[in-house]
């Protein structure tokens, strides 16, 4: 989720038509079936679902659950015939993590630079990432220092990432 008042990220370079077609084929074959299974988890089991993301191998889904993965979700993932990892007993659900991310946005004073705040499940189920979009070293350092002082619920942590390009309005 982006901080209030900050635009979304958009690509500044066009993608060739043949690459789009290949990407759509790959998506339909490898990612859509896994995404559909993840949607079952998110929509039917919101108290249990924590996160889902594609690992560095785009045909491998990582999906996390507060406790044990519902059998319907496990069956749907297995039916795809594709690679997946289920991470169970992470102790929080999607709503818990995103409520903490929202509190980070509320606690972070006007940062003076473009900032995005959200969950970072690749680093851990209770990790909140603050990504700063600026080439200004002083502004980035100030935001990192502010983020380090924020109050978070027990077990949660913040990481600060830095992108040197500013977010481009859509």
C-alpha atoms as a PDB file:
ATOM      1  CA  UNK A   1       0.000   0.000   0.000  1.00  0.00           C
ATOM      2  CA  UNK A   2       1.274   3.449  -0.745  1.00  0.00           C
ATOM      3  CA  UNK A   3       1.257   6.219   1.795  1.00  0.00           C
ATOM      4  CA  UNK A   4      -1.634   8.629   1.409  1.00  0.00           C
ATOM      5  CA  UNK A   5      -1.109  11.233  -1.281  1.00  0.00           C
ATOM      6  CA  UNK A   6       1.646   9.338  -3.051  1.00  0.00           C
ATOM      7  CA  UNK A   7       1.111   8.029  -6.592  1.00  0.00           C
ATOM      8  CA  UNK A   8       1.624   4.452  -7.715  1.00  0.00           C
ATOM      9  CA  UNK A   9       4.722   3.161  -9.454  1.00  0.00           C
ATOM     10  CA  UNK A  10       4.521   2.912 -13.213  1.00  0.00           C
ATOM     11  CA  UNK A  11       6.888   1.672 -15.879  1.00  0.00           C
ATOM     12  CA  UNK A  12       8.669   4.286 -17.941  1.00  0.00           C
ATOM     13  CA  UNK A  13       9.803   1.976 -20.736  1.00  0.00           C
ATOM     14  CA  UNK A  14       7.496   0.253 -23.225  1.00  0.00           C
ATOM     15  CA  UNK A  15       7.375  -3.543 -23.344  1.00  0.00           C
ATOM     16  CA  UNK A  16       7.554  -5.168 -26.808  1.00  0.00           C
ATOM     17  CA  UNK A  17       4.318  -6.878 -27.950  1.00  0.00           C
ATOM     18  CA  UNK A  18       5.989 -10.302 -28.241  1.00  0.00           C
ATOM     19  CA  UNK A  19       7.197 -10.045 -24.630  1.00  0.00           C
ATOM     20  CA  UNK A  20       3.669  -9.200 -23.476  1.00  0.00           C
ATOM     21  CA  UNK A  21       2.295 -12.254 -25.297  1.00  0.00           C
ATOM     22  CA  UNK A  22       4.973 -14.500 -23.752  1.00  0.00           C
ATOM     23  CA  UNK A  23       4.319 -13.036 -20.309  1.00  0.00           C
ATOM     24  CA  UNK A  24       0.573 -13.633 -20.711  1.00  0.00           C
ATOM     25  CA  UNK A  25       1.184 -17.253 -21.745  1.00  0.00           C
ATOM     26  CA  UNK A  26       3.494 -17.813 -18.773  1.00  0.00           C
ATOM     27  CA  UNK A  27       1.007 -16.137 -16.447  1.00  0.00           C
ATOM     28  CA  UNK A  28      -1.893 -18.291 -17.732  1.00  0.00           C
ATOM     29  CA  UNK A  29       0.114 -21.507 -17.513  1.00  0.00           C
ATOM     30  CA  UNK A  30       2.114 -20.996 -14.311  1.00  0.00           C
ATOM     31  CA  UNK A  31       0.803 -18.152 -12.196  1.00  0.00           C
ATOM     32  CA  UNK A  32      -2.956 -17.952 -12.702  1.00  0.00           C
ATOM     33  CA  UNK A  33      -3.703 -21.455 -11.340  1.00  0.00           C
ATOM     34  CA  UNK A  34      -1.640 -20.754  -8.232  1.00  0.00           C
ATOM     35  CA  UNK A  35      -3.188 -17.297  -7.902  1.00  0.00           C
ATOM     36  CA  UNK A  36      -6.663 -18.824  -8.106  1.00  0.00           C
ATOM     37  CA  UNK A  37      -5.762 -21.227  -5.289  1.00  0.00           C
ATOM     38  CA  UNK A  38      -4.393 -18.325  -3.231  1.00  0.00           C
ATOM     39  CA  UNK A  39      -7.653 -16.460  -3.836  1.00  0.00           C
ATOM     40  CA  UNK A  40      -9.530 -19.352  -2.220  1.00  0.00           C
ATOM     41  CA  UNK A  41      -7.370 -18.861   0.858  1.00  0.00           C
ATOM     42  CA  UNK A  42      -7.774 -15.092   0.944  1.00  0.00           C
ATOM     43  CA  UNK A  43     -11.504 -14.956   0.212  1.00  0.00           C
ATOM     44  CA  UNK A  44     -12.810 -17.999   2.102  1.00  0.00           C
ATOM     45  CA  UNK A  45     -10.368 -18.086   5.018  1.00  0.00           C
ATOM     46  CA  UNK A  46      -9.558 -14.448   5.907  1.00  0.00           C
ATOM     47  CA  UNK A  47      -8.970 -15.285   9.579  1.00  0.00           C
ATOM     48  CA  UNK A  48      -6.327 -17.846   8.573  1.00  0.00           C
ATOM     49  CA  UNK A  49      -4.692 -16.361   5.441  1.00  0.00           C
ATOM     50  CA  UNK A  50      -1.584 -14.214   5.974  1.00  0.00           C
ATOM     51  CA  UNK A  51       0.189 -13.738   2.627  1.00  0.00           C
ATOM     52  CA  UNK A  52       0.911 -15.149  -0.811  1.00  0.00           C
ATOM     53  CA  UNK A  53       3.680 -14.173  -3.184  1.00  0.00           C
ATOM     54  CA  UNK A  54       5.609 -15.618  -6.076  1.00  0.00           C
ATOM     55  CA  UNK A  55       9.158 -16.485  -5.126  1.00  0.00           C
ATOM     56  CA  UNK A  56      12.111 -15.734  -7.373  1.00  0.00           C
ATOM     57  CA  UNK A  57      10.904 -18.650  -9.510  1.00  0.00           C
ATOM     58  CA  UNK A  58       7.674 -17.158 -10.907  1.00  0.00           C
ATOM     59  CA  UNK A  59       6.021 -20.581 -11.046  1.00  0.00           C
ATOM     60  CA  UNK A  60       6.464 -21.170  -7.300  1.00  0.00           C
ATOM     61  CA  UNK A  61       3.949 -19.655  -4.871  1.00  0.00           C
ATOM     62  CA  UNK A  62       4.707 -19.128  -1.201  1.00  0.00           C
ATOM     63  CA  UNK A  63       1.568 -18.906   0.927  1.00  0.00           C
ATOM     64  CA  UNK A  64       1.367 -18.326   4.664  1.00  0.00           C
ATOM     65  CA  UNK A  65      -1.259 -19.022   7.298  1.00  0.00           C
ATOM     66  CA  UNK A  66      -1.806 -17.871  10.867  1.00  0.00           C
ATOM     67  CA  UNK A  67      -2.127 -21.523  11.946  1.00  0.00           C
ATOM     68  CA  UNK A  68      -2.730 -24.613   9.786  1.00  0.00           C
ATOM     69  CA  UNK A  69      -3.577 -24.278   6.087  1.00  0.00           C
ATOM     70  CA  UNK A  70      -7.193 -25.226   5.344  1.00  0.00           C
ATOM     71  CA  UNK A  71      -7.444 -28.551   3.505  1.00  0.00           C
ATOM     72  CA  UNK A  72      -9.471 -26.935   0.693  1.00  0.00           C
ATOM     73  CA  UNK A  73      -6.550 -24.591  -0.030  1.00  0.00           C
ATOM     74  CA  UNK A  74      -3.977 -27.373   0.178  1.00  0.00           C
ATOM     75  CA  UNK A  75      -6.061 -29.475  -2.244  1.00  0.00           C
ATOM     76  CA  UNK A  76      -6.455 -26.540  -4.668  1.00  0.00           C
ATOM     77  CA  UNK A  77      -2.698 -25.912  -4.660  1.00  0.00           C
ATOM     78  CA  UNK A  78      -1.895 -29.588  -5.196  1.00  0.00           C
ATOM     79  CA  UNK A  79      -4.404 -29.768  -8.074  1.00  0.00           C
ATOM     80  CA  UNK A  80      -2.396 -27.170 -10.027  1.00  0.00           C
ATOM     81  CA  UNK A  81       0.551 -29.535 -10.375  1.00  0.00           C
ATOM     82  CA  UNK A  82       2.799 -26.503  -9.890  1.00  0.00           C
ATOM     83  CA  UNK A  83       5.351 -25.649  -7.225  1.00  0.00           C
ATOM     84  CA  UNK A  84       4.281 -24.103  -3.957  1.00  0.00           C
ATOM     85  CA  UNK A  85       5.367 -23.789  -0.348  1.00  0.00           C
ATOM     86  CA  UNK A  86       2.908 -23.555   2.530  1.00  0.00           C
ATOM     87  CA  UNK A  87       4.172 -21.727   5.605  1.00  0.00           C
ATOM     88  CA  UNK A  88       1.999 -22.520   8.604  1.00  0.00           C
ATOM     89  CA  UNK A  89       1.763 -21.225  12.161  1.00  0.00           C
ATOM     90  CA  UNK A  90       3.091 -17.745  11.379  1.00  0.00           C
ATOM     91  CA  UNK A  91       0.912 -16.430  14.215  1.00  0.00           C
ATOM     92  CA  UNK A  92      -0.791 -13.502  12.436  1.00  0.00           C
ATOM     93  CA  UNK A  93      -3.222 -13.062   9.574  1.00  0.00           C
ATOM     94  CA  UNK A  94      -3.440 -10.575   6.701  1.00  0.00           C
ATOM     95  CA  UNK A  95      -5.613  -8.118   8.641  1.00  0.00           C
ATOM     96  CA  UNK A  96      -3.178  -8.128  11.596  1.00  0.00           C
ATOM     97  CA  UNK A  97      -0.162  -7.357   9.414  1.00  0.00           C
ATOM     98  CA  UNK A  98      -1.884  -4.669   7.386  1.00  0.00           C
ATOM     99  CA  UNK A  99      -3.244  -2.975  10.512  1.00  0.00           C
ATOM    100  CA  UNK A 100       0.366  -2.620  11.681  1.00  0.00           C
ATOM    101  CA  UNK A 101       1.399  -1.266   8.260  1.00  0.00           C
ATOM    102  CA  UNK A 102      -1.451   1.274   8.502  1.00  0.00           C
ATOM    103  CA  UNK A 103      -0.219   2.315  11.950  1.00  0.00           C
ATOM    104  CA  UNK A 104       3.263   2.853  10.507  1.00  0.00           C
ATOM    105  CA  UNK A 105       1.785   5.181   7.886  1.00  0.00           C
ATOM    106  CA  UNK A 106      -0.105   7.058  10.623  1.00  0.00           C
ATOM    107  CA  UNK A 107       2.971   7.331  12.879  1.00  0.00           C
ATOM    108  CA  UNK A 108       5.457   8.344  10.195  1.00  0.00           C
ATOM    109  CA  UNK A 109       5.385  12.143  10.057  1.00  0.00           C
ATOM    110  CA  UNK A 110       5.479  13.824   6.651  1.00  0.00           C
ATOM    111  CA  UNK A 111       8.586  12.110   5.358  1.00  0.00           C
ATOM    112  CA  UNK A 112       9.676  14.783   2.890  1.00  0.00           C
ATOM    113  CA  UNK A 113      10.098  12.105   0.203  1.00  0.00           C
ATOM    114  CA  UNK A 114       7.927   9.557  -1.548  1.00  0.00           C
ATOM    115  CA  UNK A 115       7.395   6.516   0.645  1.00  0.00           C
ATOM    116  CA  UNK A 116       5.572   3.189   0.274  1.00  0.00           C
ATOM    117  CA  UNK A 117       4.688   1.076   3.318  1.00  0.00           C
ATOM    118  CA  UNK A 118       3.582  -2.547   3.298  1.00  0.00           C
ATOM    119  CA  UNK A 119       4.122  -6.100   4.454  1.00  0.00           C
ATOM    120  CA  UNK A 120       7.337  -7.867   3.415  1.00  0.00           C
ATOM    121  CA  UNK A 121       6.585 -11.588   3.856  1.00  0.00           C
ATOM    122  CA  UNK A 122       9.756 -12.627   2.030  1.00  0.00           C
ATOM    123  CA  UNK A 123      11.674 -11.280   5.017  1.00  0.00           C
ATOM    124  CA  UNK A 124       9.195 -12.608   7.560  1.00  0.00           C
ATOM    125  CA  UNK A 125       5.476 -12.698   8.383  1.00  0.00           C
ATOM    126  CA  UNK A 126       5.787  -9.767  10.805  1.00  0.00           C
ATOM    127  CA  UNK A 127       8.084  -7.523   8.796  1.00  0.00           C
ATOM    128  CA  UNK A 128       6.873  -4.132   7.588  1.00  0.00           C
ATOM    129  CA  UNK A 129       8.848  -2.518   4.770  1.00  0.00           C
ATOM    130  CA  UNK A 130       9.198   1.222   4.397  1.00  0.00           C
ATOM    131  CA  UNK A 131      10.506   1.952   0.897  1.00  0.00           C
ATOM    132  CA  UNK A 132      11.909   5.429   0.313  1.00  0.00           C
ATOM    133  CA  UNK A 133      12.016   6.768  -3.246  1.00  0.00           C
ATOM    134  CA  UNK A 134      14.665   9.471  -3.308  1.00  0.00           C
ATOM    135  CA  UNK A 135      18.197  10.228  -4.412  1.00  0.00           C
ATOM    136  CA  UNK A 136      18.570  12.554  -1.409  1.00  0.00           C
ATOM    137  CA  UNK A 137      20.778  10.751   1.125  1.00  0.00           C
ATOM    138  CA  UNK A 138      19.834  13.083   3.998  1.00  0.00           C
ATOM    139  CA  UNK A 139      16.088  12.582   3.420  1.00  0.00           C
ATOM    140  CA  UNK A 140      16.495   8.808   3.238  1.00  0.00           C
ATOM    141  CA  UNK A 141      18.575   8.744   6.421  1.00  0.00           C
ATOM    142  CA  UNK A 142      16.001  10.879   8.241  1.00  0.00           C
ATOM    143  CA  UNK A 143      13.141   8.585   7.222  1.00  0.00           C
ATOM    144  CA  UNK A 144      15.124   5.517   8.299  1.00  0.00           C
ATOM    145  CA  UNK A 145      15.805   7.136  11.688  1.00  0.00           C
ATOM    146  CA  UNK A 146      12.109   8.025  12.103  1.00  0.00           C
ATOM    147  CA  UNK A 147      11.037   4.509  11.151  1.00  0.00           C
ATOM    148  CA  UNK A 148      13.436   2.990  13.698  1.00  0.00           C
ATOM    149  CA  UNK A 149      11.726   4.974  16.485  1.00  0.00           C
ATOM    150  CA  UNK A 150       8.159   3.900  15.671  1.00  0.00           C
ATOM    151  CA  UNK A 151       6.175   1.847  18.156  1.00  0.00           C
ATOM    152  CA  UNK A 152       5.136  -1.568  16.851  1.00  0.00           C
ATOM    153  CA  UNK A 153       3.334  -4.501  18.432  1.00  0.00           C
ATOM    154  CA  UNK A 154       5.572  -7.161  19.930  1.00  0.00           C
ATOM    155  CA  UNK A 155       7.212  -9.391  17.341  1.00  0.00           C
ATOM    156  CA  UNK A 156       6.933  -6.903  14.455  1.00  0.00           C
ATOM    157  CA  UNK A 157       9.897  -5.173  12.858  1.00  0.00           C
ATOM    158  CA  UNK A 158      10.566  -2.547  10.213  1.00  0.00           C
ATOM    159  CA  UNK A 159      13.040  -2.631   7.355  1.00  0.00           C
ATOM    160  CA  UNK A 160      13.815   0.425   5.289  1.00  0.00           C
ATOM    161  CA  UNK A 161      14.481  -0.030   1.583  1.00  0.00           C
ATOM    162  CA  UNK A 162      15.808   2.625  -0.731  1.00  0.00           C
ATOM    163  CA  UNK A 163      15.003   3.238  -4.379  1.00  0.00           C
ATOM    164  CA  UNK A 164      16.882   6.000  -6.114  1.00  0.00           C
ATOM    165  CA  UNK A 165      14.198   6.763  -8.691  1.00  0.00           C
ATOM    166  CA  UNK A 166      11.164   8.712  -7.669  1.00  0.00           C
ATOM    167  CA  UNK A 167       7.693   7.294  -8.210  1.00  0.00           C
ATOM    168  CA  UNK A 168       6.242   8.451 -11.506  1.00  0.00           C
ATOM    169  CA  UNK A 169       2.573   9.521 -11.545  1.00  0.00           C
ATOM    170  CA  UNK A 170       0.286   7.412 -13.745  1.00  0.00           C
END
